[in-house]
Amino acid sequence: LNRGGPGEVCHAVPGGQSCTDEYMPVPFLVAGALVL
């Protein structure tokens, strides 16, 4: 879900754009790999 981060990521939607703040995905990926 955070693959576009870190920072604000904007996507085109009908009638404008939608922006979300995303985290850096690497910590989630590393933690998941370690736990698995």
PDB file of all heavy atoms in Angstrom:
ATOM      1  N   LEU A   1       0.819  -1.218   0.000  1.00  0.00           N
ATOM      2  CA  LEU A   1       0.000   0.000   0.000  1.00  0.00           C
ATOM      3  C   LEU A   1       0.853   1.268   0.000  1.00  0.00           C
ATOM      4  O   LEU A   1       0.450   2.292  -0.536  1.00  0.00           O
ATOM      5  CB  LEU A   1      -0.941   0.021   1.204  1.00  0.00           C
ATOM      6  CG  LEU A   1      -2.092  -0.975   1.184  1.00  0.00           C
ATOM      7  CD1 LEU A   1      -2.886  -0.869   2.477  1.00  0.00           C
ATOM      8  CD2 LEU A   1      -2.990  -0.747  -0.021  1.00  0.00           C
ATOM      9  N   ASN A   2       2.020   1.202   0.605  1.00  0.00           N
ATOM     10  CA  ASN A   2       2.906   2.363   0.696  1.00  0.00           C
ATOM     11  C   ASN A   2       4.008   2.337  -0.357  1.00  0.00           C
ATOM     12  O   ASN A   2       5.017   3.019  -0.214  1.00  0.00           O
ATOM     13  CB  ASN A   2       3.523   2.427   2.095  1.00  0.00           C
ATOM     14  CG  ASN A   2       2.504   2.812   3.126  1.00  0.00           C
ATOM     15  OD1 ASN A   2       2.039   3.940   3.161  1.00  0.00           O
ATOM     16  ND2 ASN A   2       2.119   1.862   3.965  1.00  0.00           N
ATOM     17  N   ARG A   3       3.829   1.589  -1.425  1.00  0.00           N
ATOM     18  CA  ARG A   3       4.879   1.411  -2.425  1.00  0.00           C
ATOM     19  C   ARG A   3       5.281   2.706  -3.126  1.00  0.00           C
ATOM     20  O   ARG A   3       6.364   2.802  -3.667  1.00  0.00           O
ATOM     21  CB  ARG A   3       4.464   0.367  -3.458  1.00  0.00           C
ATOM     22  CG  ARG A   3       3.302   0.786  -4.331  1.00  0.00           C
ATOM     23  CD  ARG A   3       2.777  -0.386  -5.145  1.00  0.00           C
ATOM     24  NE  ARG A   3       1.632  -0.019  -5.957  1.00  0.00           N
ATOM     25  CZ  ARG A   3       0.384   0.034  -5.526  1.00  0.00           C
ATOM     26  NH1 ARG A   3       0.113  -0.258  -4.269  1.00  0.00           N
ATOM     27  NH2 ARG A   3      -0.596   0.382  -6.344  1.00  0.00           N
ATOM     28  N   GLY A   4       4.447   3.727  -3.118  1.00  0.00           N
ATOM     29  CA  GLY A   4       4.783   4.998  -3.750  1.00  0.00           C
ATOM     30  C   GLY A   4       5.506   5.958  -2.824  1.00  0.00           C
ATOM     31  O   GLY A   4       5.979   7.005  -3.263  1.00  0.00           O
ATOM     32  N   GLY A   5       5.589   5.629  -1.547  1.00  0.00           N
ATOM     33  CA  GLY A   5       6.152   6.533  -0.559  1.00  0.00           C
ATOM     34  C   GLY A   5       7.656   6.482  -0.510  1.00  0.00           C
ATOM     35  O   GLY A   5       8.284   5.768  -1.279  1.00  0.00           O
ATOM     36  N   PRO A   6       8.243   7.253   0.326  1.00  0.00           N
ATOM     37  CA  PRO A   6       7.630   8.103   1.343  1.00  0.00           C
ATOM     38  C   PRO A   6       7.213   9.465   0.779  1.00  0.00           C
ATOM     39  O   PRO A   6       7.734   9.917  -0.223  1.00  0.00           O
ATOM     40  CB  PRO A   6       8.739   8.270   2.368  1.00  0.00           C
ATOM     41  CG  PRO A   6      10.005   8.169   1.588  1.00  0.00           C
ATOM     42  CD  PRO A   6       9.702   7.222   0.459  1.00  0.00           C
ATOM     43  N   GLY A   7       6.270  10.065   1.453  1.00  0.00           N
ATOM     44  CA  GLY A   7       5.822  11.397   1.068  1.00  0.00           C
ATOM     45  C   GLY A   7       4.399  11.400   0.541  1.00  0.00           C
ATOM     46  O   GLY A   7       3.658  10.427   0.655  1.00  0.00           O
ATOM     47  N   GLU A   8       4.044  12.528  -0.041  1.00  0.00           N
ATOM     48  CA  GLU A   8       2.701  12.693  -0.579  1.00  0.00           C
ATOM     49  C   GLU A   8       2.648  12.117  -1.996  1.00  0.00           C
ATOM     50  O   GLU A   8       3.470  12.450  -2.844  1.00  0.00           O
ATOM     51  CB  GLU A   8       2.312  14.169  -0.603  1.00  0.00           C
ATOM     52  CG  GLU A   8       0.881  14.410  -0.941  1.00  0.00           C
ATOM     53  CD  GLU A   8       0.494  15.876  -0.816  1.00  0.00           C
ATOM     54  OE1 GLU A   8       1.357  16.745  -1.035  1.00  0.00           O
ATOM     55  OE2 GLU A   8      -0.675  16.126  -0.508  1.00  0.00           O
ATOM     56  N   VAL A   9       1.663  11.259  -2.243  1.00  0.00           N
ATOM     57  CA  VAL A   9       1.501  10.621  -3.536  1.00  0.00           C
ATOM     58  C   VAL A   9       0.120  10.994  -4.069  1.00  0.00           C
ATOM     59  O   VAL A   9      -0.884  10.821  -3.376  1.00  0.00           O
ATOM     60  CB  VAL A   9       1.637   9.086  -3.423  1.00  0.00           C
ATOM     61  CG1 VAL A   9       1.410   8.416  -4.760  1.00  0.00           C
ATOM     62  CG2 VAL A   9       2.994   8.725  -2.855  1.00  0.00           C
ATOM     63  N   CYS A  10       0.085  11.503  -5.305  1.00  0.00           N
ATOM     64  CA  CYS A  10      -1.170  11.944  -5.910  1.00  0.00           C
ATOM     65  C   CYS A  10      -1.529  11.051  -7.096  1.00  0.00           C
ATOM     66  O   CYS A  10      -0.653  10.597  -7.838  1.00  0.00           O
ATOM     67  CB  CYS A  10      -1.051  13.391  -6.379  1.00  0.00           C
ATOM     68  SG  CYS A  10      -0.742  14.540  -5.021  1.00  0.00           S
ATOM     69  N   HIS A  11      -2.825  10.783  -7.245  1.00  0.00           N
ATOM     70  CA  HIS A  11      -3.351   9.976  -8.344  1.00  0.00           C
ATOM     71  C   HIS A  11      -4.493  10.744  -8.992  1.00  0.00           C
ATOM     72  O   HIS A  11      -5.275  11.424  -8.310  1.00  0.00           O
ATOM     73  CB  HIS A  11      -3.876   8.621  -7.857  1.00  0.00           C
ATOM     74  CG  HIS A  11      -2.834   7.785  -7.184  1.00  0.00           C
ATOM     75  ND1 HIS A  11      -1.893   7.084  -7.873  1.00  0.00           N
ATOM     76  CD2 HIS A  11      -2.605   7.545  -5.861  1.00  0.00           C
ATOM     77  CE1 HIS A  11      -1.116   6.447  -7.028  1.00  0.00           C
ATOM     78  NE2 HIS A  11      -1.521   6.713  -5.791  1.00  0.00           N
ATOM     79  N   ALA A  12      -4.604  10.618 -10.312  1.00  0.00           N
ATOM     80  CA  ALA A  12      -5.697  11.254 -11.037  1.00  0.00           C
ATOM     81  C   ALA A  12      -6.987  10.486 -10.789  1.00  0.00           C
ATOM     82  O   ALA A  12      -7.019   9.260 -10.841  1.00  0.00           O
ATOM     83  CB  ALA A  12      -5.383  11.298 -12.525  1.00  0.00           C
ATOM     84  N   VAL A  13      -8.032  11.200 -10.487  1.00  0.00           N
ATOM     85  CA  VAL A  13      -9.368  10.639 -10.317  1.00  0.00           C
ATOM     86  C   VAL A  13     -10.318  11.486 -11.158  1.00  0.00           C
ATOM     87  O   VAL A  13      -9.982  12.623 -11.504  1.00  0.00           O
ATOM     88  CB  VAL A  13      -9.808  10.624  -8.829  1.00  0.00           C
ATOM     89  CG1 VAL A  13      -8.944   9.693  -8.020  1.00  0.00           C
ATOM     90  CG2 VAL A  13      -9.809  12.005  -8.234  1.00  0.00           C
ATOM     91  N   PRO A  14     -11.478  10.962 -11.489  1.00  0.00           N
ATOM     92  CA  PRO A  14     -12.426  11.785 -12.265  1.00  0.00           C
ATOM     93  C   PRO A  14     -12.752  13.080 -11.530  1.00  0.00           C
ATOM     94  O   PRO A  14     -13.132  13.071 -10.361  1.00  0.00           O
ATOM     95  CB  PRO A  14     -13.666  10.902 -12.377  1.00  0.00           C
ATOM     96  CG  PRO A  14     -13.163   9.506 -12.189  1.00  0.00           C
ATOM     97  CD  PRO A  14     -11.983   9.620 -11.273  1.00  0.00           C
ATOM     98  N   GLY A  15     -12.512  14.186 -12.190  1.00  0.00           N
ATOM     99  CA  GLY A  15     -12.816  15.485 -11.595  1.00  0.00           C
ATOM    100  C   GLY A  15     -11.661  16.094 -10.822  1.00  0.00           C
ATOM    101  O   GLY A  15     -11.854  17.056 -10.086  1.00  0.00           O
ATOM    102  N   GLY A  16     -10.453  15.559 -10.912  1.00  0.00           N
ATOM    103  CA  GLY A  16      -9.320  16.146 -10.201  1.00  0.00           C
ATOM    104  C   GLY A  16      -8.268  15.123  -9.847  1.00  0.00           C
ATOM    105  O   GLY A  16      -7.979  14.211 -10.615  1.00  0.00           O
ATOM    106  N   GLN A  17      -7.735  15.269  -8.642  1.00  0.00           N
ATOM    107  CA  GLN A  17      -6.728  14.332  -8.168  1.00  0.00           C
ATOM    108  C   GLN A  17      -6.915  14.061  -6.692  1.00  0.00           C
ATOM    109  O   GLN A  17      -7.497  14.856  -5.972  1.00  0.00           O
ATOM    110  CB  GLN A  17      -5.321  14.841  -8.448  1.00  0.00           C
ATOM    111  CG  GLN A  17      -4.899  16.068  -7.696  1.00  0.00           C
ATOM    112  CD  GLN A  17      -3.484  16.479  -8.039  1.00  0.00           C
ATOM    113  OE1 GLN A  17      -2.820  15.851  -8.842  1.00  0.00           O
ATOM    114  NE2 GLN A  17      -3.014  17.549  -7.425  1.00  0.00           N
ATOM    115  N   SER A  18      -6.402  12.930  -6.274  1.00  0.00           N
ATOM    116  CA  SER A  18      -6.483  12.525  -4.878  1.00  0.00           C
ATOM    117  C   SER A  18      -5.062  12.309  -4.372  1.00  0.00           C
ATOM    118  O   SER A  18      -4.281  11.595  -4.994  1.00  0.00           O
ATOM    119  CB  SER A  18      -7.287  11.225  -4.771  1.00  0.00           C
ATOM    120  OG  SER A  18      -7.218  10.718  -3.460  1.00  0.00           O
ATOM    121  N   CYS A  19      -4.740  12.928  -3.264  1.00  0.00           N
ATOM    122  CA  CYS A  19      -3.395  12.819  -2.700  1.00  0.00           C
ATOM    123  C   CYS A  19      -3.457  12.162  -1.317  1.00  0.00           C
ATOM    124  O   CYS A  19      -4.361  12.437  -0.532  1.00  0.00           O
ATOM    125  CB  CYS A  19      -2.754  14.196  -2.579  1.00  0.00           C
ATOM    126  SG  CYS A  19      -2.507  15.027  -4.166  1.00  0.00           S
ATOM    127  N   THR A  20      -2.500  11.302  -1.072  1.00  0.00           N
ATOM    128  CA  THR A  20      -2.381  10.656   0.234  1.00  0.00           C
ATOM    129  C   THR A  20      -0.932  10.723   0.689  1.00  0.00           C
ATOM    130  O   THR A  20      -0.011  10.786  -0.124  1.00  0.00           O
ATOM    131  CB  THR A  20      -2.809   9.170   0.181  1.00  0.00           C
ATOM    132  OG1 THR A  20      -2.017   8.491  -0.777  1.00  0.00           O
ATOM    133  CG2 THR A  20      -4.270   9.022  -0.166  1.00  0.00           C
ATOM    134  N   ASP A  21      -0.753  10.695   1.988  1.00  0.00           N
ATOM    135  CA  ASP A  21       0.583  10.668   2.570  1.00  0.00           C
ATOM    136  C   ASP A  21       0.956   9.203   2.793  1.00  0.00           C
ATOM    137  O   ASP A  21       0.212   8.471   3.455  1.00  0.00           O
ATOM    138  CB  ASP A  21       0.575  11.417   3.900  1.00  0.00           C
ATOM    139  CG  ASP A  21       1.801  12.262   4.110  1.00  0.00           C
ATOM    140  OD1 ASP A  21       2.597  12.365   3.173  1.00  0.00           O
ATOM    141  OD2 ASP A  21       1.948  12.808   5.217  1.00  0.00           O
ATOM    142  N   GLU A  22       2.072   8.770   2.243  1.00  0.00           N
ATOM    143  CA  GLU A  22       2.488   7.379   2.374  1.00  0.00           C
ATOM    144  C   GLU A  22       3.811   7.294   3.112  1.00  0.00           C
ATOM    145  O   GLU A  22       4.625   8.211   3.064  1.00  0.00           O
ATOM    146  CB  GLU A  22       2.605   6.716   0.996  1.00  0.00           C
ATOM    147  CG  GLU A  22       1.277   6.581   0.291  1.00  0.00           C
ATOM    148  CD  GLU A  22       1.371   5.809  -1.006  1.00  0.00           C
ATOM    149  OE1 GLU A  22       2.465   5.329  -1.355  1.00  0.00           O
ATOM    150  OE2 GLU A  22       0.331   5.683  -1.672  1.00  0.00           O
ATOM    151  N   TYR A  23       3.983   6.170   3.806  1.00  0.00           N
ATOM    152  CA  TYR A  23       5.213   5.904   4.538  1.00  0.00           C
ATOM    153  C   TYR A  23       6.219   5.207   3.637  1.00  0.00           C
ATOM    154  O   TYR A  23       5.884   4.720   2.559  1.00  0.00           O
ATOM    155  CB  TYR A  23       4.931   5.025   5.755  1.00  0.00           C
ATOM    156  CG  TYR A  23       3.987   5.653   6.751  1.00  0.00           C
ATOM    157  CD1 TYR A  23       2.689   5.207   6.866  1.00  0.00           C
ATOM    158  CD2 TYR A  23       4.422   6.691   7.559  1.00  0.00           C
ATOM    159  CE1 TYR A  23       1.819   5.779   7.776  1.00  0.00           C
ATOM    160  CE2 TYR A  23       3.565   7.271   8.476  1.00  0.00           C
ATOM    161  CZ  TYR A  23       2.268   6.820   8.583  1.00  0.00           C
ATOM    162  OH  TYR A  23       1.416   7.387   9.475  1.00  0.00           O
ATOM    163  N   MET A  24       7.432   5.077   4.116  1.00  0.00           N
ATOM    164  CA  MET A  24       8.440   4.299   3.400  1.00  0.00           C
ATOM    165  C   MET A  24       8.081   2.817   3.532  1.00  0.00           C
ATOM    166  O   MET A  24       7.875   2.322   4.637  1.00  0.00           O
ATOM    167  CB  MET A  24       9.823   4.574   3.985  1.00  0.00           C
ATOM    168  CG  MET A  24      10.939   3.806   3.324  1.00  0.00           C
ATOM    169  SD  MET A  24      12.525   4.176   4.059  1.00  0.00           S
ATOM    170  CE  MET A  24      13.060   5.465   2.978  1.00  0.00           C
ATOM    171  N   PRO A  25       8.003   2.085   2.419  1.00  0.00           N
ATOM    172  CA  PRO A  25       7.564   0.689   2.494  1.00  0.00           C
ATOM    173  C   PRO A  25       8.628  -0.283   2.996  1.00  0.00           C
ATOM    174  O   PRO A  25       8.300  -1.387   3.436  1.00  0.00           O
ATOM    175  CB  PRO A  25       7.200   0.365   1.038  1.00  0.00           C
ATOM    176  CG  PRO A  25       8.015   1.297   0.232  1.00  0.00           C
ATOM    177  CD  PRO A  25       8.161   2.550   1.050  1.00  0.00           C
ATOM    178  N   VAL A  26       9.888   0.117   2.974  1.00  0.00           N
ATOM    179  CA  VAL A  26      10.977  -0.806   3.307  1.00  0.00           C
ATOM    180  C   VAL A  26      10.877  -1.364   4.734  1.00  0.00           C
ATOM    181  O   VAL A  26      11.055  -2.573   4.929  1.00  0.00           O
ATOM    182  CB  VAL A  26      12.346  -0.146   3.040  1.00  0.00           C
ATOM    183  CG1 VAL A  26      13.491  -1.043   3.488  1.00  0.00           C
ATOM    184  CG2 VAL A  26      12.485   0.200   1.562  1.00  0.00           C
ATOM    185  N   PRO A  27      10.590  -0.571   5.748  1.00  0.00           N
ATOM    186  CA  PRO A  27      10.492  -1.159   7.097  1.00  0.00           C
ATOM    187  C   PRO A  27       9.404  -2.235   7.209  1.00  0.00           C
ATOM    188  O   PRO A  27       9.599  -3.255   7.873  1.00  0.00           O
ATOM    189  CB  PRO A  27      10.166   0.030   8.006  1.00  0.00           C
ATOM    190  CG  PRO A  27      10.678   1.216   7.269  1.00  0.00           C
ATOM    191  CD  PRO A  27      10.494   0.897   5.820  1.00  0.00           C
ATOM    192  N   PHE A  28       8.270  -2.020   6.550  1.00  0.00           N
ATOM    193  CA  PHE A  28       7.209  -3.027   6.580  1.00  0.00           C
ATOM    194  C   PHE A  28       7.661  -4.299   5.872  1.00  0.00           C
ATOM    195  O   PHE A  28       7.391  -5.410   6.330  1.00  0.00           O
ATOM    196  CB  PHE A  28       5.937  -2.493   5.906  1.00  0.00           C
ATOM    197  CG  PHE A  28       5.328  -1.315   6.604  1.00  0.00           C
ATOM    198  CD1 PHE A  28       5.306  -0.076   5.991  1.00  0.00           C
ATOM    199  CD2 PHE A  28       4.773  -1.441   7.860  1.00  0.00           C
ATOM    200  CE1 PHE A  28       4.752   1.015   6.614  1.00  0.00           C
ATOM    201  CE2 PHE A  28       4.205  -0.355   8.508  1.00  0.00           C
ATOM    202  CZ  PHE A  28       4.193   0.881   7.881  1.00  0.00           C
ATOM    203  N   LEU A  29       8.353  -4.132   4.759  1.00  0.00           N
ATOM    204  CA  LEU A  29       8.837  -5.273   3.987  1.00  0.00           C
ATOM    205  C   LEU A  29       9.888  -6.070   4.760  1.00  0.00           C
ATOM    206  O   LEU A  29       9.837  -7.300   4.833  1.00  0.00           O
ATOM    207  CB  LEU A  29       9.412  -4.789   2.656  1.00  0.00           C
ATOM    208  CG  LEU A  29       9.776  -5.837   1.625  1.00  0.00           C
ATOM    209  CD1 LEU A  29       8.549  -6.643   1.217  1.00  0.00           C
ATOM    210  CD2 LEU A  29      10.403  -5.172   0.414  1.00  0.00           C
ATOM    211  N   VAL A  30      10.823  -5.369   5.378  1.00  0.00           N
ATOM    212  CA  VAL A  30      11.880  -6.037   6.146  1.00  0.00           C
ATOM    213  C   VAL A  30      11.292  -6.744   7.371  1.00  0.00           C
ATOM    214  O   VAL A  30      11.625  -7.902   7.652  1.00  0.00           O
ATOM    215  CB  VAL A  30      12.975  -5.028   6.553  1.00  0.00           C
ATOM    216  CG1 VAL A  30      13.929  -5.621   7.563  1.00  0.00           C
ATOM    217  CG2 VAL A  30      13.724  -4.541   5.321  1.00  0.00           C
ATOM    218  N   ALA A  31      10.405  -6.073   8.092  1.00  0.00           N
ATOM    219  CA  ALA A  31       9.785  -6.689   9.270  1.00  0.00           C
ATOM    220  C   ALA A  31       8.978  -7.926   8.874  1.00  0.00           C
ATOM    221  O   ALA A  31       9.048  -8.963   9.546  1.00  0.00           O
ATOM    222  CB  ALA A  31       8.891  -5.677   9.984  1.00  0.00           C
ATOM    223  N   GLY A  32       8.237  -7.834   7.781  1.00  0.00           N
ATOM    224  CA  GLY A  32       7.472  -8.984   7.310  1.00  0.00           C
ATOM    225  C   GLY A  32       8.365 -10.154   6.941  1.00  0.00           C
ATOM    226  O   GLY A  32       8.081 -11.302   7.277  1.00  0.00           O
ATOM    227  N   ALA A  33       9.459  -9.860   6.241  1.00  0.00           N
ATOM    228  CA  ALA A  33      10.384 -10.929   5.837  1.00  0.00           C
ATOM    229  C   ALA A  33      11.023 -11.581   7.061  1.00  0.00           C
ATOM    230  O   ALA A  33      11.139 -12.814   7.123  1.00  0.00           O
ATOM    231  CB  ALA A  33      11.456 -10.372   4.906  1.00  0.00           C
ATOM    232  N   LEU A  34      11.423 -10.776   8.031  1.00  0.00           N
ATOM    233  CA  LEU A  34      12.043 -11.333   9.239  1.00  0.00           C
ATOM    234  C   LEU A  34      11.075 -12.214  10.020  1.00  0.00           C
ATOM    235  O   LEU A  34      11.437 -13.308  10.471  1.00  0.00           O
ATOM    236  CB  LEU A  34      12.566 -10.203  10.130  1.00  0.00           C
ATOM    237  CG  LEU A  34      13.814  -9.473   9.644  1.00  0.00           C
ATOM    238  CD1 LEU A  34      14.126  -8.286  10.558  1.00  0.00           C
ATOM    239  CD2 LEU A  34      14.994 -10.418   9.555  1.00  0.00           C
ATOM    240  N   VAL A  35       9.848 -11.760  10.167  1.00  0.00           N
ATOM    241  CA  VAL A  35       8.858 -12.528  10.919  1.00  0.00           C
ATOM    242  C   VAL A  35       8.517 -13.828  10.177  1.00  0.00           C
ATOM    243  O   VAL A  35       8.421 -14.890  10.791  1.00  0.00           O
ATOM    244  CB  VAL A  35       7.597 -11.671  11.165  1.00  0.00           C
ATOM    245  CG1 VAL A  35       6.456 -12.495  11.704  1.00  0.00           C
ATOM    246  CG2 VAL A  35       7.913 -10.534  12.111  1.00  0.00           C
ATOM    247  N   LEU A  36       8.371 -13.752   8.860  1.00  0.00           N
ATOM    248  CA  LEU A  36       8.059 -14.946   8.078  1.00  0.00           C
ATOM    249  C   LEU A  36       9.183 -15.970   8.148  1.00  0.00           C
ATOM    250  O   LEU A  36       8.952 -17.157   8.415  1.00  0.00           O
ATOM    251  CB  LEU A  36       7.796 -14.561   6.618  1.00  0.00           C
ATOM    252  CG  LEU A  36       7.444 -15.699   5.673  1.00  0.00           C
ATOM    253  CD1 LEU A  36       6.104 -16.315   6.050  1.00  0.00           C
ATOM    254  CD2 LEU A  36       7.405 -15.196   4.242  1.00  0.00           C
TER     255      LEU A  36
END
